[in-house]
Amino acid sequence: LLWRPFTSDLRLDFYDINTKVNYIVNENNRVYISFYNGRDQLGGNGELIENRGRWGNTVTSAKWNRIINPKLFINTIFTYSTFKYQLNESNTYGDSTVGNTTYHYTNSSTIHDASIKVRANWYPSINNKIETGIQYTRSNFIPVSIEALSASNTTTIQSTSFKSNEINLYLEDEIKLSERWSLRPGVHWANWLRNEYTTSSLQPRLYSAYKINGSNIIYAS
C-alpha cells in the first residue's frame, strides 16, 4: 500500500469475495445462491509490542423464486451469516538479568444469524399490489472470549452465549390512486423471544407519494 515504502510499523489489509449463481429449474422456478466473505485487518508493530485487530463477515444465502400464476409470486430466502471481531496483542517485558518474557492476549466476539423468510406478492390489478411475508431469525451472540498466554500461565475466559429468536410478520397494500398519487398502508408485527422473556410490537404503517412532475415527488410516511 501507499505507506509501505515509508514504514513497516503500520499494517492494513482487507479483501472481499462475492459469488453468485443463478439456476433456472423451469419457467416457473428459479434458484439463486450467493456467498460473501470479507475481512479487514489493522495492526501496528513496535520494538516490544505487536497488536492486530481483525473483523469481518461471512454471508451465505439461497433464494427460491416461484411463479404460481401471472399475478402471484412467492420468494423463499434462507440466509446464514457470521460476524467476528478479534484483537491480538503481544508484549515483551524483561531486562538483561532475567531475560525477556512475552505475553500473548486474544480477545474475540462473534455473532451467528440464521434466518428464513417467505414473501408473497399478489397483483390483483394494475393499480394494486399486495405484499405479505413472515421471517424467522435465530441469533447466537458470544460477547467475549479471552485467552492470555505466558511462558508459565494460561488464562481463558469464555462468556455465556446469548441466544434469541425473532419472528416478524407483515402485510402491505400498495394502491395507485391516480397517475400522480399512490398510497401504501400496512401493518408489521415484530416478536422477540428468549427463554421466558417475550416482547411483541404491532406497528401500523402508512406511506404515501405524490408526483408533482417528471422530476419531483413528495413522500410522506
Protein backbone atom coordinates (compact mmCIF):
# COMPACT_ATOMS: atom_id res chain seq x y z
CA LEU A 1 0.00 0.00 0.00
CA LEU A 2 0.97 3.65 -0.18
CA TRP A 3 2.77 3.83 3.17
CA ARG A 4 4.70 0.53 2.84
CA PRO A 5 7.84 2.20 1.37
CA PHE A 6 7.97 4.59 4.35
CA THR A 7 7.15 2.41 7.38
CA SER A 8 6.62 -1.23 8.34
CA ASP A 9 5.05 -0.39 11.72
CA LEU A 10 1.53 0.03 10.31
CA ARG A 11 -0.31 -2.84 8.66
CA LEU A 12 -3.67 -2.60 6.91
CA ASP A 13 -5.13 -5.43 4.86
CA PHE A 14 -8.60 -6.16 3.54
CA TYR A 15 -10.39 -8.30 0.99
CA ASP A 16 -13.91 -9.03 -0.27
CA ILE A 17 -15.16 -12.09 -2.15
CA ASN A 18 -18.56 -12.23 -3.88
CA THR A 19 -20.01 -15.23 -5.70
CA LYS A 20 -23.48 -15.57 -7.25
CA VAL A 21 -25.09 -18.49 -9.06
CA ASN A 22 -28.47 -18.49 -10.84
CA TYR A 23 -30.15 -21.75 -11.88
CA ILE A 24 -33.35 -21.87 -13.94
CA VAL A 25 -35.27 -25.01 -12.92
CA ASN A 26 -38.14 -24.32 -15.30
CA GLU A 27 -40.21 -21.35 -16.48
CA ASN A 28 -41.89 -21.03 -13.05
CA ASN A 29 -38.97 -21.76 -10.72
CA ARG A 30 -35.55 -20.22 -10.27
CA VAL A 31 -32.88 -20.71 -7.61
CA TYR A 32 -30.31 -18.08 -6.65
CA ILE A 33 -27.30 -18.80 -4.43
CA SER A 34 -24.85 -16.15 -3.24
CA PHE A 35 -21.78 -16.11 -0.99
CA TYR A 36 -19.89 -13.20 0.52
CA ASN A 37 -16.76 -13.17 2.65
CA GLY A 38 -14.92 -10.04 3.75
CA ARG A 39 -12.08 -9.43 6.21
CA ASP A 40 -10.32 -6.29 7.40
CA GLN A 41 -7.14 -6.09 9.45
CA LEU A 42 -5.41 -3.18 11.17
CA GLY A 43 -2.23 -3.65 13.14
CA GLY A 44 0.86 -1.95 14.47
CA ASN A 45 4.36 -3.11 15.36
CA GLY A 46 6.68 -1.61 17.93
CA GLU A 47 10.00 -2.60 19.44
CA LEU A 48 8.41 -4.65 22.23
CA ILE A 49 4.74 -4.73 21.33
CA GLU A 50 2.67 -6.00 18.45
CA ASN A 51 -1.10 -5.68 18.11
CA ARG A 52 -3.57 -6.59 15.42
CA GLY A 53 -7.32 -6.16 15.06
CA ARG A 54 -9.33 -8.29 12.65
CA TRP A 55 -13.04 -8.18 11.80
CA GLY A 56 -15.25 -9.46 9.03
CA ASN A 57 -18.47 -11.02 7.77
CA THR A 58 -19.38 -14.24 6.04
CA VAL A 59 -22.86 -14.44 4.46
CA THR A 60 -24.45 -17.31 2.54
CA SER A 61 -27.94 -17.05 1.08
CA ALA A 62 -30.24 -19.09 -1.13
CA LYS A 63 -33.45 -17.83 -2.75
CA TRP A 64 -36.20 -19.82 -4.44
CA ASN A 65 -38.40 -17.75 -6.74
CA ARG A 66 -41.68 -19.45 -7.71
CA ILE A 67 -44.38 -18.14 -10.07
CA ILE A 68 -47.74 -19.54 -9.00
CA ASN A 69 -49.65 -17.71 -11.72
CA PRO A 70 -49.19 -14.44 -13.67
CA LYS A 71 -50.45 -12.45 -10.65
CA LEU A 72 -48.88 -14.34 -7.71
CA PHE A 73 -45.16 -14.76 -6.92
CA ILE A 74 -43.54 -16.37 -3.87
CA ASN A 75 -39.92 -15.94 -2.75
CA THR A 76 -38.35 -18.16 -0.09
CA ILE A 77 -34.99 -16.90 1.21
CA PHE A 78 -32.57 -18.64 3.58
CA THR A 79 -29.61 -16.70 5.00
CA TYR A 80 -26.76 -17.65 7.32
CA SER A 81 -24.23 -15.05 8.46
CA THR A 82 -21.29 -14.80 10.85
CA PHE A 83 -19.58 -11.68 12.16
CA LYS A 84 -16.34 -11.96 14.12
CA TYR A 85 -14.04 -9.42 15.73
CA GLN A 86 -10.66 -10.41 17.14
CA LEU A 87 -7.90 -8.44 18.84
CA ASN A 88 -4.42 -9.97 19.22
CA GLU A 89 -1.66 -8.38 21.25
CA SER A 90 1.88 -9.47 22.16
CA ASN A 91 4.01 -7.68 24.76
CA THR A 92 7.61 -8.38 25.70
CA TYR A 93 8.91 -7.48 29.16
CA GLY A 94 12.20 -8.08 30.98
CA ASP A 95 15.78 -6.95 31.32
CA SER A 96 19.29 -8.18 30.73
CA THR A 97 19.47 -10.07 34.05
CA VAL A 98 16.29 -12.20 33.89
CA GLY A 99 15.72 -12.17 30.16
CA ASN A 100 12.62 -11.30 28.23
CA THR A 101 9.13 -12.71 28.77
CA THR A 102 6.42 -12.47 26.12
CA TYR A 103 2.70 -12.35 26.88
CA HIS A 104 0.04 -13.08 24.27
CA TYR A 105 -3.53 -11.78 24.58
CA THR A 106 -6.50 -12.62 22.35
CA ASN A 107 -9.99 -11.13 22.66
CA SER A 108 -12.83 -12.05 20.29
CA SER A 109 -16.58 -11.51 19.83
CA THR A 110 -18.86 -13.47 17.50
CA ILE A 111 -22.43 -13.23 16.18
CA HIS A 112 -24.16 -16.02 14.24
CA ASP A 113 -27.52 -15.45 12.49
CA ALA A 114 -29.69 -17.96 10.62
CA SER A 115 -32.97 -16.83 9.08
CA ILE A 116 -35.68 -17.95 6.69
CA LYS A 117 -38.12 -15.57 5.02
CA VAL A 118 -41.16 -16.30 2.87
CA ARG A 119 -42.57 -13.37 0.87
CA ALA A 120 -45.62 -13.36 -1.42
CA ASN A 121 -46.50 -10.68 -3.99
CA TRP A 122 -50.01 -10.58 -5.42
CA TYR A 123 -51.14 -8.24 -8.20
CA PRO A 124 -54.97 -8.25 -8.22
CA SER A 125 -54.96 -5.35 -10.72
CA ILE A 126 -52.54 -2.99 -12.45
CA ASN A 127 -53.25 -0.40 -9.74
CA ASN A 128 -52.91 -2.68 -6.73
CA LYS A 129 -50.02 -4.71 -5.32
CA ILE A 130 -50.34 -6.70 -2.07
CA GLU A 131 -47.22 -7.99 -0.31
CA THR A 132 -47.13 -10.22 2.76
CA GLY A 133 -44.45 -12.27 4.46
CA ILE A 134 -43.03 -13.94 7.52
CA GLN A 135 -39.42 -14.14 8.73
CA TYR A 136 -37.81 -16.22 11.47
CA THR A 137 -34.30 -15.45 12.75
CA ARG A 138 -32.21 -17.44 15.22
CA SER A 139 -29.26 -15.49 16.69
CA ASN A 140 -26.33 -16.64 18.80
CA PHE A 141 -24.16 -13.96 20.44
CA ILE A 142 -20.81 -14.70 22.08
CA PRO A 143 -19.99 -11.30 23.64
CA VAL A 144 -16.42 -12.03 24.65
CA SER A 145 -13.82 -14.79 24.62
CA ILE A 146 -10.41 -14.03 26.16
CA GLU A 147 -7.21 -16.04 26.18
CA ALA A 148 -4.00 -14.84 27.85
CA LEU A 149 -0.77 -16.83 27.44
CA SER A 150 2.66 -16.57 29.02
CA ALA A 151 5.55 -18.96 29.49
CA SER A 152 4.22 -20.04 32.91
CA ASN A 153 0.48 -19.48 32.81
CA THR A 154 -2.61 -19.71 30.59
CA THR A 155 -5.89 -17.94 31.38
CA THR A 156 -9.10 -18.46 29.41
CA ILE A 157 -12.38 -16.58 29.93
CA GLN A 158 -15.47 -17.54 27.92
CA SER A 159 -18.68 -15.58 28.38
CA THR A 160 -22.04 -17.33 28.24
CA SER A 161 -23.54 -17.37 24.77
CA PHE A 162 -26.74 -15.39 24.28
CA LYS A 163 -29.38 -17.00 22.05
CA SER A 164 -32.56 -15.34 20.81
CA ASN A 165 -35.44 -15.90 18.38
CA GLU A 166 -37.16 -13.27 16.28
CA ILE A 167 -40.41 -13.67 14.32
CA ASN A 168 -41.72 -10.90 12.06
CA LEU A 169 -44.93 -10.82 10.03
CA TYR A 170 -46.11 -8.05 7.73
CA LEU A 171 -48.84 -7.11 5.27
CA GLU A 172 -48.75 -4.11 2.90
CA ASP A 173 -51.10 -2.95 0.15
CA GLU A 174 -49.69 -0.59 -2.48
CA ILE A 175 -52.52 1.30 -4.17
CA LYS A 176 -52.17 3.57 -7.19
CA LEU A 177 -54.97 6.09 -6.72
CA SER A 178 -54.15 8.13 -9.84
CA GLU A 179 -51.28 8.92 -12.18
CA ARG A 180 -49.80 11.21 -9.53
CA TRP A 181 -50.97 9.82 -6.21
CA SER A 182 -50.11 6.45 -4.55
CA LEU A 183 -50.74 5.06 -1.07
CA ARG A 184 -49.27 2.08 0.83
CA PRO A 185 -50.95 1.15 4.12
CA GLY A 186 -49.72 -1.85 6.08
CA VAL A 187 -49.01 -3.46 9.42
CA HIS A 188 -45.90 -5.14 10.88
CA TRP A 189 -45.92 -7.50 13.86
CA ALA A 190 -42.48 -8.00 15.47
CA ASN A 191 -41.81 -10.65 18.14
CA TRP A 192 -38.59 -11.26 20.09
CA LEU A 193 -38.23 -14.32 22.31
CA ARG A 194 -35.55 -15.60 24.68
CA ASN A 195 -36.25 -18.28 27.27
CA GLU A 196 -39.12 -17.00 29.40
CA TYR A 197 -38.83 -13.41 28.14
CA THR A 198 -41.01 -12.32 25.21
CA THR A 199 -41.77 -8.95 23.68
CA SER A 200 -44.16 -8.10 20.83
CA SER A 201 -44.80 -4.93 18.88
CA LEU A 202 -47.68 -4.24 16.49
CA GLN A 203 -46.64 -1.45 14.12
CA PRO A 204 -49.15 0.16 11.72
CA ARG A 205 -47.54 1.71 8.62
CA LEU A 206 -48.69 4.33 6.14
CA TYR A 207 -46.66 5.57 3.19
CA SER A 208 -47.81 7.99 0.51
CA ALA A 209 -46.27 9.60 -2.55
CA TYR A 210 -47.40 12.44 -4.82
CA LYS A 211 -45.75 13.01 -8.19
CA ILE A 212 -45.60 16.74 -8.91
CA ASN A 213 -43.96 16.33 -12.30
CA GLY A 214 -41.44 14.13 -14.06
CA SER A 215 -38.58 15.29 -11.81
CA ASN A 216 -40.18 15.87 -8.40
CA ILE A 217 -42.04 13.58 -5.99
CA ILE A 218 -43.22 14.29 -2.43
CA TYR A 219 -43.04 11.37 0.03
CA ALA A 220 -44.67 11.08 3.44
CA SER A 221 -44.75 8.25 5.98
